[in-house]
Amino acid sequence: MALIALAADKGSPGVSTAAVALAAVWPRRVLLAETDPAGGDLVYRSAAAHGGPLNPNTGMLSIAATARRGLVPDQLWDHVQPLSGGLEVLVGLGNSEQAAGLAGLWPTLGHAFASLADSPHAAADVIADCGRISGDTPAAELFPHASLVLLVSRTEPEALARVRDRAAALAGKLNGGSRVAGPGSPMVGVVLIADTGSAAKLASQVNDMLVHAQTGARVVGTLADDPAGAEQLAGRRRGRLDKSLLIRTARKVTADLYQQYGAAWSASAHAAQPHQPHQPHQSQPQQGQYAPSAQQYQPGQPGQPAPQGSPQGGGRPSDGRAAGAGR
């Protein structure tokens, strides 16, 4: 299991939408962490599992006091809230001013996020929405602890030029000047937000550009530029979320990521737990874990009860488990 950090260089390409969409279809237990120092959005857009609003004081804000005394990975769960669809989230800060309370604690958080994979009690992958990383954002201090850093970009020429330069700079920084990921160093990937009709061609062209520029990064997949799907994911529009282009392409990205990296992530987790017997991936949940559900999911609105038949805290529909859209 692993820490996967999502970020953007500039603008609003949809990092939060991408993070929620990937978490909603993640094949193993996952914690979605809103780690953008500028603040999170889920508390304003999403309903909690009990049907009421999320508590803005439980999440990144509350974890600051705990982390100053040291942070055991399992303590993260004390600050987590389930959304109406069952997705477990660490709610982000209310505004950028609150980020001062986390000064000096970002490496501690990064280590805890990465080490959650090794918990013998409640192991999980962590998907961190880091927002924009241009400038000296402290969220970048999470990256050395990640297994994969994904830069989200749209496909306008200026956006691609920025993600190329950002990927090269980031890969060099994370690998001591080399752009080739060494043992223990995170890989840098690019996720494109693109029209599905041209996505494959654009992904190939952008990947060639990244290779030619010797950035050390690769395109790992594309998510559909699907405003209707994003609105459904945010709970602001009705429809079959599991049939949306956004969720369908998110499934493809997660499947490709696990085909390429999943074995290494699992091996790493098992190596860190020699006292735990090897357990193959199971279709049924172990105690304390969730299993994907094929049922249709309709995200709830803040302050409204969850849809009838949707899981409450203990369920994780694989077809979209959260209400929340991106910046």
C-alpha atoms as a PDB file:
ATOM      1  CA  MET A   1       0.000   0.000   0.000  1.00  0.00           C
ATOM      2  CA  ALA A   2       1.143   3.534  -0.597  1.00  0.00           C
ATOM      3  CA  LEU A   3       0.845   7.303  -0.353  1.00  0.00           C
ATOM      4  CA  ILE A   4      -0.198   8.840  -3.663  1.00  0.00           C
ATOM      5  CA  ALA A   5       0.036  12.636  -3.792  1.00  0.00           C
ATOM      6  CA  LEU A   6      -1.894  14.651  -6.394  1.00  0.00           C
ATOM      7  CA  ALA A   7      -0.983  18.217  -7.242  1.00  0.00           C
ATOM      8  CA  ALA A   8      -1.035  20.844  -9.985  1.00  0.00           C
ATOM      9  CA  ASP A   9       1.460  23.446 -11.087  1.00  0.00           C
ATOM     10  CA  LYS A  10      -0.915  26.354 -11.609  1.00  0.00           C
ATOM     11  CA  GLY A  11      -4.547  27.176 -12.202  1.00  0.00           C
ATOM     12  CA  SER A  12      -7.466  24.856 -11.477  1.00  0.00           C
ATOM     13  CA  PRO A  13      -7.097  21.721 -13.600  1.00  0.00           C
ATOM     14  CA  GLY A  14      -9.267  19.622 -11.285  1.00  0.00           C
ATOM     15  CA  VAL A  15      -6.910  18.146  -8.683  1.00  0.00           C
ATOM     16  CA  SER A  16      -9.646  17.728  -6.086  1.00  0.00           C
ATOM     17  CA  THR A  17     -12.056  16.157  -8.575  1.00  0.00           C
ATOM     18  CA  ALA A  18      -9.313  13.773  -9.687  1.00  0.00           C
ATOM     19  CA  ALA A  19      -8.411  12.875  -6.087  1.00  0.00           C
ATOM     20  CA  VAL A  20     -12.025  12.147  -5.120  1.00  0.00           C
ATOM     21  CA  ALA A  21     -12.707  10.204  -8.327  1.00  0.00           C
ATOM     22  CA  LEU A  22      -9.636   8.001  -7.913  1.00  0.00           C
ATOM     23  CA  ALA A  23     -10.371   7.424  -4.224  1.00  0.00           C
ATOM     24  CA  ALA A  24     -13.984   6.547  -5.049  1.00  0.00           C
ATOM     25  CA  VAL A  25     -12.902   3.614  -7.224  1.00  0.00           C
ATOM     26  CA  TRP A  26      -9.682   2.639  -5.430  1.00  0.00           C
ATOM     27  CA  PRO A  27      -9.523  -1.183  -5.208  1.00  0.00           C
ATOM     28  CA  ARG A  28      -8.283  -1.305  -1.606  1.00  0.00           C
ATOM     29  CA  ARG A  29      -9.112   0.567   1.567  1.00  0.00           C
ATOM     30  CA  VAL A  30      -8.179   4.195   1.068  1.00  0.00           C
ATOM     31  CA  LEU A  31      -8.034   7.407   3.055  1.00  0.00           C
ATOM     32  CA  LEU A  32      -8.571  10.644   1.129  1.00  0.00           C
ATOM     33  CA  ALA A  33      -6.615  13.466   2.763  1.00  0.00           C
ATOM     34  CA  GLU A  34      -7.253  17.117   1.874  1.00  0.00           C
ATOM     35  CA  THR A  35      -3.742  18.461   2.366  1.00  0.00           C
ATOM     36  CA  ASP A  36      -3.954  21.648   0.333  1.00  0.00           C
ATOM     37  CA  PRO A  37      -2.541  24.422   2.567  1.00  0.00           C
ATOM     38  CA  ALA A  38      -4.988  26.836   0.913  1.00  0.00           C
ATOM     39  CA  GLY A  39      -7.881  24.887   2.458  1.00  0.00           C
ATOM     40  CA  GLY A  40     -10.240  22.078   1.568  1.00  0.00           C
ATOM     41  CA  ASP A  41     -13.621  22.016  -0.142  1.00  0.00           C
ATOM     42  CA  LEU A  42     -15.296  18.816   1.004  1.00  0.00           C
ATOM     43  CA  VAL A  43     -16.669  20.311   4.217  1.00  0.00           C
ATOM     44  CA  TYR A  44     -18.696  22.766   2.128  1.00  0.00           C
ATOM     45  CA  ARG A  45     -19.820  20.334  -0.544  1.00  0.00           C
ATOM     46  CA  SER A  46     -20.307  16.966   1.076  1.00  0.00           C
ATOM     47  CA  ALA A  47     -22.551  15.283   3.604  1.00  0.00           C
ATOM     48  CA  ALA A  48     -21.232  13.087   6.388  1.00  0.00           C
ATOM     49  CA  ALA A  49     -22.326   9.475   6.740  1.00  0.00           C
ATOM     50  CA  HIS A  50     -24.887  10.455   9.383  1.00  0.00           C
ATOM     51  CA  GLY A  51     -26.574  12.769   6.877  1.00  0.00           C
ATOM     52  CA  GLY A  52     -25.472  16.020   8.488  1.00  0.00           C
ATOM     53  CA  PRO A  53     -22.549  18.266   7.604  1.00  0.00           C
ATOM     54  CA  LEU A  54     -18.932  17.319   8.089  1.00  0.00           C
ATOM     55  CA  ASN A  55     -17.218  18.744  11.152  1.00  0.00           C
ATOM     56  CA  PRO A  56     -14.675  21.334   9.940  1.00  0.00           C
ATOM     57  CA  ASN A  57     -12.726  21.019  13.193  1.00  0.00           C
ATOM     58  CA  THR A  58     -12.055  17.298  12.780  1.00  0.00           C
ATOM     59  CA  GLY A  59      -9.384  16.626  10.211  1.00  0.00           C
ATOM     60  CA  MET A  60      -6.208  18.452   9.294  1.00  0.00           C
ATOM     61  CA  LEU A  61      -7.002  21.129  11.865  1.00  0.00           C
ATOM     62  CA  SER A  62      -7.417  18.725  14.770  1.00  0.00           C
ATOM     63  CA  ILE A  63      -4.488  16.569  13.782  1.00  0.00           C
ATOM     64  CA  ALA A  64      -2.050  19.459  14.266  1.00  0.00           C
ATOM     65  CA  ALA A  65      -2.195  19.230  18.072  1.00  0.00           C
ATOM     66  CA  THR A  66      -1.749  15.456  17.991  1.00  0.00           C
ATOM     67  CA  ALA A  67       1.175  15.597  15.572  1.00  0.00           C
ATOM     68  CA  ARG A  68       3.123  17.993  17.778  1.00  0.00           C
ATOM     69  CA  ARG A  69       3.319  15.235  20.389  1.00  0.00           C
ATOM     70  CA  GLY A  70       4.267  12.631  17.832  1.00  0.00           C
ATOM     71  CA  LEU A  71       1.968  10.819  15.434  1.00  0.00           C
ATOM     72  CA  VAL A  72       1.387   7.084  15.268  1.00  0.00           C
ATOM     73  CA  PRO A  73      -0.167   6.219  11.872  1.00  0.00           C
ATOM     74  CA  ASP A  74      -3.257   4.601  13.407  1.00  0.00           C
ATOM     75  CA  GLN A  75      -3.998   7.910  15.153  1.00  0.00           C
ATOM     76  CA  LEU A  76      -4.954   9.305  11.763  1.00  0.00           C
ATOM     77  CA  TRP A  77      -8.245   7.419  12.013  1.00  0.00           C
ATOM     78  CA  ASP A  78      -9.174   9.478  15.085  1.00  0.00           C
ATOM     79  CA  HIS A  79      -9.448  12.517  12.804  1.00  0.00           C
ATOM     80  CA  VAL A  80     -11.223  10.863   9.862  1.00  0.00           C
ATOM     81  CA  GLN A  81     -14.873  11.276   8.900  1.00  0.00           C
ATOM     82  CA  PRO A  82     -16.835   9.045   6.497  1.00  0.00           C
ATOM     83  CA  LEU A  83     -18.798  10.709   3.730  1.00  0.00           C
ATOM     84  CA  SER A  84     -22.357   9.708   2.893  1.00  0.00           C
ATOM     85  CA  GLY A  85     -21.037   7.315   0.261  1.00  0.00           C
ATOM     86  CA  GLY A  86     -18.668   5.663   2.740  1.00  0.00           C
ATOM     87  CA  LEU A  87     -15.392   7.211   1.591  1.00  0.00           C
ATOM     88  CA  GLU A  88     -13.159   8.031   4.569  1.00  0.00           C
ATOM     89  CA  VAL A  89     -11.728  11.551   4.465  1.00  0.00           C
ATOM     90  CA  LEU A  90      -9.368  13.718   6.436  1.00  0.00           C
ATOM     91  CA  VAL A  91     -11.091  17.078   6.035  1.00  0.00           C
ATOM     92  CA  GLY A  92      -8.852  19.941   4.961  1.00  0.00           C
ATOM     93  CA  LEU A  93      -8.112  23.256   6.587  1.00  0.00           C
ATOM     94  CA  GLY A  94     -10.741  25.963   6.496  1.00  0.00           C
ATOM     95  CA  ASN A  95      -8.412  28.585   5.032  1.00  0.00           C
ATOM     96  CA  SER A  96      -4.759  29.281   4.304  1.00  0.00           C
ATOM     97  CA  GLU A  97      -4.244  31.100   7.606  1.00  0.00           C
ATOM     98  CA  GLN A  98      -4.808  27.846   9.482  1.00  0.00           C
ATOM     99  CA  ALA A  99      -1.831  26.296   7.680  1.00  0.00           C
ATOM    100  CA  ALA A 100       0.430  28.083  10.169  1.00  0.00           C
ATOM    101  CA  GLY A 101      -0.675  25.537  12.768  1.00  0.00           C
ATOM    102  CA  LEU A 102       0.944  22.787  10.681  1.00  0.00           C
ATOM    103  CA  ALA A 103       4.291  24.543  10.296  1.00  0.00           C
ATOM    104  CA  GLY A 104       7.073  22.000  10.654  1.00  0.00           C
ATOM    105  CA  LEU A 105       4.641  19.076  10.797  1.00  0.00           C
ATOM    106  CA  TRP A 106       4.307  18.228   7.105  1.00  0.00           C
ATOM    107  CA  PRO A 107       7.149  15.652   7.110  1.00  0.00           C
ATOM    108  CA  THR A 108       5.561  14.034  10.186  1.00  0.00           C
ATOM    109  CA  LEU A 109       2.258  13.820   8.339  1.00  0.00           C
ATOM    110  CA  GLY A 110       3.955  12.438   5.242  1.00  0.00           C
ATOM    111  CA  HIS A 111       5.630   9.718   7.268  1.00  0.00           C
ATOM    112  CA  ALA A 112       2.332   8.839   8.972  1.00  0.00           C
ATOM    113  CA  PHE A 113       0.467   8.709   5.655  1.00  0.00           C
ATOM    114  CA  ALA A 114       3.076   6.423   4.125  1.00  0.00           C
ATOM    115  CA  SER A 115       3.320   4.249   7.243  1.00  0.00           C
ATOM    116  CA  LEU A 116      -0.439   3.732   7.411  1.00  0.00           C
ATOM    117  CA  ALA A 117       0.142   1.059   4.802  1.00  0.00           C
ATOM    118  CA  ASP A 118       2.026  -0.952   7.422  1.00  0.00           C
ATOM    119  CA  SER A 119      -0.593  -0.792  10.159  1.00  0.00           C
ATOM    120  CA  PRO A 120      -1.469  -4.312  11.357  1.00  0.00           C
ATOM    121  CA  HIS A 121      -4.885  -3.045  12.454  1.00  0.00           C
ATOM    122  CA  ALA A 122      -6.245  -0.663   9.813  1.00  0.00           C
ATOM    123  CA  ALA A 123      -3.909  -0.510   6.842  1.00  0.00           C
ATOM    124  CA  ALA A 124      -4.887   1.771   3.966  1.00  0.00           C
ATOM    125  CA  ASP A 125      -3.534   3.597   0.985  1.00  0.00           C
ATOM    126  CA  VAL A 126      -3.632   7.382   1.266  1.00  0.00           C
ATOM    127  CA  ILE A 127      -4.552   9.684  -1.608  1.00  0.00           C
ATOM    128  CA  ALA A 128      -3.500  13.231  -0.740  1.00  0.00           C
ATOM    129  CA  ASP A 129      -4.985  16.249  -2.514  1.00  0.00           C
ATOM    130  CA  CYS A 130      -2.102  18.729  -2.285  1.00  0.00           C
ATOM    131  CA  GLY A 131      -3.579  21.466  -4.474  1.00  0.00           C
ATOM    132  CA  ARG A 132      -1.247  23.795  -6.338  1.00  0.00           C
ATOM    133  CA  ILE A 133       2.474  23.409  -5.672  1.00  0.00           C
ATOM    134  CA  SER A 134       3.861  26.448  -7.443  1.00  0.00           C
ATOM    135  CA  GLY A 135       6.002  28.468  -5.067  1.00  0.00           C
ATOM    136  CA  ASP A 136       7.093  27.113  -1.703  1.00  0.00           C
ATOM    137  CA  THR A 137       3.960  25.257  -0.664  1.00  0.00           C
ATOM    138  CA  PRO A 138       4.613  23.202   2.479  1.00  0.00           C
ATOM    139  CA  ALA A 139       2.518  20.333   1.096  1.00  0.00           C
ATOM    140  CA  ALA A 140       5.502  19.482  -1.114  1.00  0.00           C
ATOM    141  CA  GLU A 141       7.158  18.188   2.064  1.00  0.00           C
ATOM    142  CA  LEU A 142       4.825  15.196   1.768  1.00  0.00           C
ATOM    143  CA  PHE A 143       6.322  14.165  -1.565  1.00  0.00           C
ATOM    144  CA  PRO A 144       9.518  12.449  -0.343  1.00  0.00           C
ATOM    145  CA  HIS A 145       7.299  10.043   1.593  1.00  0.00           C
ATOM    146  CA  ALA A 146       5.055   9.242  -1.382  1.00  0.00           C
ATOM    147  CA  SER A 147       5.292   6.235  -3.651  1.00  0.00           C
ATOM    148  CA  LEU A 148       3.845   8.244  -6.524  1.00  0.00           C
ATOM    149  CA  VAL A 149       3.394  11.957  -7.167  1.00  0.00           C
ATOM    150  CA  LEU A 150       0.775  12.685  -9.815  1.00  0.00           C
ATOM    151  CA  LEU A 151       0.687  16.069 -11.522  1.00  0.00           C
ATOM    152  CA  VAL A 152      -2.773  16.855 -12.890  1.00  0.00           C
ATOM    153  CA  SER A 153      -2.909  18.948 -16.041  1.00  0.00           C
ATOM    154  CA  ARG A 154      -5.270  20.043 -18.758  1.00  0.00           C
ATOM    155  CA  THR A 155      -4.147  19.929 -22.358  1.00  0.00           C
ATOM    156  CA  GLU A 156      -3.822  23.563 -23.427  1.00  0.00           C
ATOM    157  CA  PRO A 157      -0.281  24.244 -24.733  1.00  0.00           C
ATOM    158  CA  GLU A 158       0.590  26.535 -21.829  1.00  0.00           C
ATOM    159  CA  ALA A 159      -0.627  23.961 -19.294  1.00  0.00           C
ATOM    160  CA  LEU A 160       1.457  21.232 -20.906  1.00  0.00           C
ATOM    161  CA  ALA A 161       4.546  23.432 -20.977  1.00  0.00           C
ATOM    162  CA  ARG A 162       4.136  24.147 -17.260  1.00  0.00           C
ATOM    163  CA  VAL A 163       3.591  20.517 -16.302  1.00  0.00           C
ATOM    164  CA  ARG A 164       6.656  19.499 -18.342  1.00  0.00           C
ATOM    165  CA  ASP A 165       8.863  22.005 -16.521  1.00  0.00           C
ATOM    166  CA  ARG A 166       7.304  21.235 -13.134  1.00  0.00           C
ATOM    167  CA  ALA A 167       7.731  17.486 -13.615  1.00  0.00           C
ATOM    168  CA  ALA A 168      11.399  17.904 -14.506  1.00  0.00           C
ATOM    169  CA  ALA A 169      12.092  20.174 -11.544  1.00  0.00           C
ATOM    170  CA  LEU A 170      10.171  17.934  -9.158  1.00  0.00           C
ATOM    171  CA  ALA A 171      11.835  14.722 -10.336  1.00  0.00           C
ATOM    172  CA  GLY A 172      15.252  16.329  -9.941  1.00  0.00           C
ATOM    173  CA  LYS A 173      14.447  17.609  -6.463  1.00  0.00           C
ATOM    174  CA  LEU A 174      13.115  14.280  -5.259  1.00  0.00           C
ATOM    175  CA  ASN A 175      16.063  12.325  -6.643  1.00  0.00           C
ATOM    176  CA  GLY A 176      19.002  14.480  -5.597  1.00  0.00           C
ATOM    177  CA  GLY A 177      19.483  16.103  -8.971  1.00  0.00           C
ATOM    178  CA  SER A 178      18.852  12.974 -11.029  1.00  0.00           C
ATOM    179  CA  ARG A 179      15.545  12.713 -12.856  1.00  0.00           C
ATOM    180  CA  VAL A 180      15.491   8.941 -12.593  1.00  0.00           C
ATOM    181  CA  ALA A 181      13.691   7.637  -9.531  1.00  0.00           C
ATOM    182  CA  GLY A 182      16.018   5.615  -7.366  1.00  0.00           C
ATOM    183  CA  PRO A 183      15.154   2.997  -4.740  1.00  0.00           C
ATOM    184  CA  GLY A 184      12.809   4.516  -2.206  1.00  0.00           C
ATOM    185  CA  SER A 185      12.222   7.645  -4.271  1.00  0.00           C
ATOM    186  CA  PRO A 186       8.741   8.498  -5.543  1.00  0.00           C
ATOM    187  CA  MET A 187       7.852   8.192  -9.181  1.00  0.00           C
ATOM    188  CA  VAL A 188       6.472  11.307 -10.883  1.00  0.00           C
ATOM    189  CA  GLY A 189       3.504  10.810 -13.177  1.00  0.00           C
ATOM    190  CA  VAL A 190       1.128  13.021 -15.121  1.00  0.00           C
ATOM    191  CA  VAL A 191      -2.646  12.644 -15.298  1.00  0.00           C
ATOM    192  CA  LEU A 192      -4.281  14.532 -18.148  1.00  0.00           C
ATOM    193  CA  ILE A 193      -7.806  15.942 -18.042  1.00  0.00           C
ATOM    194  CA  ALA A 194      -8.903  15.536 -21.630  1.00  0.00           C
ATOM    195  CA  ASP A 195     -11.803  14.955 -23.976  1.00  0.00           C
ATOM    196  CA  THR A 196     -12.217  11.207 -24.338  1.00  0.00           C
ATOM    197  CA  GLY A 197     -12.269  11.397 -28.129  1.00  0.00           C
ATOM    198  CA  SER A 198      -8.705  12.677 -28.302  1.00  0.00           C
ATOM    199  CA  ALA A 199      -7.373  11.387 -24.980  1.00  0.00           C
ATOM    200  CA  ALA A 200      -5.304   8.474 -26.308  1.00  0.00           C
ATOM    201  CA  LYS A 201      -3.590  10.545 -28.975  1.00  0.00           C
ATOM    202  CA  LEU A 202      -2.884  13.411 -26.590  1.00  0.00           C
ATOM    203  CA  ALA A 203      -1.528  11.072 -23.917  1.00  0.00           C
ATOM    204  CA  SER A 204       0.906   9.577 -26.404  1.00  0.00           C
ATOM    205  CA  GLN A 205       2.043  12.992 -27.630  1.00  0.00           C
ATOM    206  CA  VAL A 206       2.487  14.389 -24.120  1.00  0.00           C
ATOM    207  CA  ASN A 207       4.345  11.285 -23.013  1.00  0.00           C
ATOM    208  CA  ASP A 208       6.710  11.685 -25.974  1.00  0.00           C
ATOM    209  CA  MET A 209       7.250  15.300 -24.940  1.00  0.00           C
ATOM    210  CA  LEU A 210       8.067  14.299 -21.357  1.00  0.00           C
ATOM    211  CA  VAL A 211      10.506  11.637 -22.551  1.00  0.00           C
ATOM    212  CA  HIS A 212      12.168  13.950 -25.073  1.00  0.00           C
ATOM    213  CA  ALA A 213      12.610  16.640 -22.399  1.00  0.00           C
ATOM    214  CA  GLN A 214      14.138  14.019 -20.075  1.00  0.00           C
ATOM    215  CA  THR A 215      11.771  14.978 -17.281  1.00  0.00           C
ATOM    216  CA  GLY A 216      11.804  11.564 -15.638  1.00  0.00           C
ATOM    217  CA  ALA A 217       7.978  11.670 -15.653  1.00  0.00           C
ATOM    218  CA  ARG A 218       5.458   9.707 -17.677  1.00  0.00           C
ATOM    219  CA  VAL A 219       1.760  10.021 -18.479  1.00  0.00           C
ATOM    220  CA  VAL A 220       0.019   7.431 -16.328  1.00  0.00           C
ATOM    221  CA  GLY A 221      -3.492   8.005 -17.640  1.00  0.00           C
ATOM    222  CA  THR A 222      -6.263  10.388 -18.584  1.00  0.00           C
ATOM    223  CA  LEU A 223      -9.449  11.412 -16.817  1.00  0.00           C
ATOM    224  CA  ALA A 224     -12.425  12.579 -18.834  1.00  0.00           C
ATOM    225  CA  ASP A 225     -13.113  16.286 -19.016  1.00  0.00           C
ATOM    226  CA  ASP A 226     -16.629  15.602 -17.781  1.00  0.00           C
ATOM    227  CA  PRO A 227     -18.350  18.564 -16.074  1.00  0.00           C
ATOM    228  CA  ALA A 228     -21.587  16.593 -15.661  1.00  0.00           C
ATOM    229  CA  GLY A 229     -19.740  13.736 -13.975  1.00  0.00           C
ATOM    230  CA  ALA A 230     -17.938  16.177 -11.689  1.00  0.00           C
ATOM    231  CA  GLU A 231     -21.295  17.675 -10.710  1.00  0.00           C
ATOM    232  CA  GLN A 232     -22.634  14.200  -9.932  1.00  0.00           C
ATOM    233  CA  LEU A 233     -19.555  13.406  -7.871  1.00  0.00           C
ATOM    234  CA  ALA A 234     -20.147  16.622  -5.941  1.00  0.00           C
ATOM    235  CA  GLY A 235     -23.767  15.675  -5.260  1.00  0.00           C
ATOM    236  CA  ARG A 236     -25.081  18.642  -7.218  1.00  0.00           C
ATOM    237  CA  ARG A 237     -26.551  16.664 -10.099  1.00  0.00           C
ATOM    238  CA  ARG A 238     -28.527  13.449 -10.366  1.00  0.00           C
ATOM    239  CA  GLY A 239     -27.628  10.606 -12.648  1.00  0.00           C
ATOM    240  CA  ARG A 240     -25.808   7.297 -12.837  1.00  0.00           C
ATOM    241  CA  LEU A 241     -22.457   8.312 -11.423  1.00  0.00           C
ATOM    242  CA  ASP A 242     -21.042   4.849 -12.082  1.00  0.00           C
ATOM    243  CA  LYS A 243     -21.807   5.323 -15.779  1.00  0.00           C
ATOM    244  CA  SER A 244     -20.220   8.763 -16.039  1.00  0.00           C
ATOM    245  CA  LEU A 245     -17.150   9.245 -18.205  1.00  0.00           C
ATOM    246  CA  LEU A 246     -15.308  10.603 -15.181  1.00  0.00           C
ATOM    247  CA  ILE A 247     -15.765   7.453 -13.104  1.00  0.00           C
ATOM    248  CA  ARG A 248     -15.216   5.117 -16.044  1.00  0.00           C
ATOM    249  CA  THR A 249     -11.888   6.747 -16.858  1.00  0.00           C
ATOM    250  CA  ALA A 250     -10.957   6.846 -13.156  1.00  0.00           C
ATOM    251  CA  ARG A 251     -11.410   3.083 -13.043  1.00  0.00           C
ATOM    252  CA  LYS A 252      -9.075   2.731 -16.019  1.00  0.00           C
ATOM    253  CA  VAL A 253      -6.405   4.897 -14.362  1.00  0.00           C
ATOM    254  CA  THR A 254      -6.548   2.987 -11.077  1.00  0.00           C
ATOM    255  CA  ALA A 255      -6.449  -0.363 -12.889  1.00  0.00           C
ATOM    256  CA  ASP A 256      -3.386   0.721 -14.864  1.00  0.00           C
ATOM    257  CA  LEU A 257      -1.677   2.049 -11.729  1.00  0.00           C
ATOM    258  CA  TYR A 258      -2.218  -1.205  -9.911  1.00  0.00           C
ATOM    259  CA  GLN A 259      -1.072  -3.263 -12.862  1.00  0.00           C
ATOM    260  CA  GLN A 260       2.177  -1.291 -12.946  1.00  0.00           C
ATOM    261  CA  TYR A 261       2.828  -0.548  -9.278  1.00  0.00           C
ATOM    262  CA  GLY A 262       0.426  -2.590  -7.141  1.00  0.00           C
ATOM    263  CA  ALA A 263       2.667  -5.629  -6.735  1.00  0.00           C
ATOM    264  CA  ALA A 264       5.561  -3.485  -5.544  1.00  0.00           C
ATOM    265  CA  TRP A 265       3.325  -1.588  -3.109  1.00  0.00           C
ATOM    266  CA  SER A 266       1.952  -4.835  -1.689  1.00  0.00           C
ATOM    267  CA  ALA A 267       5.399  -6.368  -1.422  1.00  0.00           C
ATOM    268  CA  SER A 268       6.632  -3.288   0.397  1.00  0.00           C
ATOM    269  CA  ALA A 269       3.775  -3.472   2.883  1.00  0.00           C
ATOM    270  CA  HIS A 270       4.306  -7.180   3.531  1.00  0.00           C
ATOM    271  CA  ALA A 271       8.063  -6.705   3.907  1.00  0.00           C
ATOM    272  CA  ALA A 272       7.403  -4.129   6.608  1.00  0.00           C
ATOM    273  CA  GLN A 273       5.194  -6.619   8.476  1.00  0.00           C
ATOM    274  CA  PRO A 274       7.243  -9.832   8.761  1.00  0.00           C
ATOM    275  CA  HIS A 275       5.122 -10.932  11.712  1.00  0.00           C
ATOM    276  CA  GLN A 276       1.972 -10.876   9.565  1.00  0.00           C
ATOM    277  CA  PRO A 277       1.206 -13.956   7.460  1.00  0.00           C
ATOM    278  CA  HIS A 278       0.905 -13.279   3.751  1.00  0.00           C
ATOM    279  CA  GLN A 279      -2.701 -12.696   2.776  1.00  0.00           C
ATOM    280  CA  PRO A 280      -3.685 -12.499  -0.881  1.00  0.00           C
ATOM    281  CA  HIS A 281      -6.020  -9.801  -2.060  1.00  0.00           C
ATOM    282  CA  GLN A 282      -9.486 -10.865  -1.029  1.00  0.00           C
ATOM    283  CA  SER A 283     -12.839 -10.087  -2.570  1.00  0.00           C
ATOM    284  CA  GLN A 284     -14.431  -9.936   0.872  1.00  0.00           C
ATOM    285  CA  PRO A 285     -13.345  -7.403   3.489  1.00  0.00           C
ATOM    286  CA  GLN A 286     -11.256  -8.353   6.442  1.00  0.00           C
ATOM    287  CA  GLN A 287     -12.366  -6.995   9.763  1.00  0.00           C
ATOM    288  CA  GLY A 288     -11.926  -3.245   9.792  1.00  0.00           C
ATOM    289  CA  GLN A 289     -11.735  -3.022   6.012  1.00  0.00           C
ATOM    290  CA  TYR A 290     -14.248  -2.222   3.328  1.00  0.00           C
ATOM    291  CA  ALA A 291     -15.014  -4.102   0.159  1.00  0.00           C
ATOM    292  CA  PRO A 292     -16.104  -2.444  -3.073  1.00  0.00           C
ATOM    293  CA  SER A 293     -19.795  -2.626  -3.816  1.00  0.00           C
ATOM    294  CA  ALA A 294     -21.334  -2.770  -7.257  1.00  0.00           C
ATOM    295  CA  GLN A 295     -24.430  -0.904  -6.166  1.00  0.00           C
ATOM    296  CA  GLN A 296     -25.322   2.422  -7.723  1.00  0.00           C
ATOM    297  CA  TYR A 297     -24.245   5.354  -5.600  1.00  0.00           C
ATOM    298  CA  GLN A 298     -25.800   8.794  -5.428  1.00  0.00           C
ATOM    299  CA  PRO A 299     -23.788  11.246  -3.317  1.00  0.00           C
ATOM    300  CA  GLY A 300     -25.667  13.191  -0.673  1.00  0.00           C
ATOM    301  CA  GLN A 301     -25.873  16.927  -0.257  1.00  0.00           C
ATOM    302  CA  PRO A 302     -24.484  18.663   2.835  1.00  0.00           C
ATOM    303  CA  GLY A 303     -27.072  18.615   5.567  1.00  0.00           C
ATOM    304  CA  GLN A 304     -29.235  16.034   3.803  1.00  0.00           C
ATOM    305  CA  PRO A 305     -29.562  12.343   4.620  1.00  0.00           C
ATOM    306  CA  ALA A 306     -27.642   9.881   2.516  1.00  0.00           C
ATOM    307  CA  PRO A 307     -29.569   8.154  -0.284  1.00  0.00           C
ATOM    308  CA  GLN A 308     -31.656   5.195   0.760  1.00  0.00           C
ATOM    309  CA  GLY A 309     -29.640   2.012   0.514  1.00  0.00           C
ATOM    310  CA  SER A 310     -26.276   3.757   0.387  1.00  0.00           C
ATOM    311  CA  PRO A 311     -23.610   2.588   2.825  1.00  0.00           C
ATOM    312  CA  GLN A 312     -23.155   4.490   6.051  1.00  0.00           C
ATOM    313  CA  GLY A 313     -19.530   4.569   7.091  1.00  0.00           C
ATOM    314  CA  GLY A 314     -19.046   0.822   6.700  1.00  0.00           C
ATOM    315  CA  GLY A 315     -19.493   0.661   2.927  1.00  0.00           C
ATOM    316  CA  ARG A 316     -17.396   1.738  -0.009  1.00  0.00           C
ATOM    317  CA  PRO A 317     -19.173   1.654  -3.344  1.00  0.00           C
ATOM    318  CA  SER A 318     -16.577   1.215  -6.038  1.00  0.00           C
ATOM    319  CA  ASP A 319     -18.639   3.317  -8.427  1.00  0.00           C
ATOM    320  CA  GLY A 320     -18.202   6.613  -6.622  1.00  0.00           C
ATOM    321  CA  ARG A 321     -18.077   6.744  -2.847  1.00  0.00           C
ATOM    322  CA  ALA A 322     -17.860  10.412  -2.186  1.00  0.00           C
ATOM    323  CA  ALA A 323     -19.476  13.743  -2.632  1.00  0.00           C
ATOM    324  CA  GLY A 324     -16.910  16.354  -3.538  1.00  0.00           C
ATOM    325  CA  ALA A 325     -15.637  18.112  -6.630  1.00  0.00           C
ATOM    326  CA  GLY A 326     -12.425  19.800  -7.482  1.00  0.00           C
ATOM    327  CA  ARG A 327     -10.839  23.129  -7.718  1.00  0.00           C
END
